[in-house]
Amino acid sequence: MTAPPNPDFDIQTSEDLLRRFEPPKEASLVKELDFVDANYAAWIAASPFLVLCTAGGTGLDASPRGDPAGFVRVLDSKTLLIPDRRGNNRLDSLRNLLSDPRLALLFLIPGLGETLRVNGRARLNTDPAVLSSFAVQGSTPKLVIVVAVEAVYFQCSRAVLRAELWNPERHLVRTSLPTPGKILGDATAGQVDAATYDRELPGRVLSTLY
């Protein structure tokens, strides 16, 4: 069993941190732009999944967002539009953005080792004309997140390659982990019936995608 890390070895200063690493290579710096060029726009158009990171009144949040590739729209070189699809209605990310508009996005593209990172500031918009342009299966999002882009850059493939993220031989068998029903059943001391929840969940998810 691993012992807890000794706090005497905690890094306390930037100087202490920097002396442990080599300086960044030039490529890792020049790849960062303050706008979305044609290359990065192509990556955004190919991505069906992102993680939205926020901090604000409700604390920290990292929220998965997904839809068919191209669901994030490049309005212009400094502006992205992200439809807010149906979810669990906790609204953690959205409430954070109201108190602190800063956000970070991490885009993933299946089969690609590199990821794309975008930093910026957001506002929440309910323009009916814009919402209707994002309609899917007759359902429009309740709002769109309008992102004012401040930084865009790709991340190298090392993390994805180490994780073997896209290797089907590394995919877990679903029954090897606790199910959502079991997690809820344990968290509520049995008030949620695990078997019933797990049986109904797949149909409920499919019927409420949009």
Foldseek 3Di string as FASTA:
>chain_A
DDDPDDCVPDDDDPVSVVVVDDDDDPVVPVQKDQWQDPVNQVVQQQFFKKWKWFAADLGTDTHIDGDHRHQWDPPDGFKIKHFDADDDPPCPRVVRLVGPQWMKMWTDHAPDLKIKIWIFGWDKAQPPVVQVVSDDPNDTGRTIIMGGTGIIGMDGRVVCVVVVVNPPVPDDDVVVDDDPLVVVCVVVVNPRRSVVCVVCVVVVCVVRRD
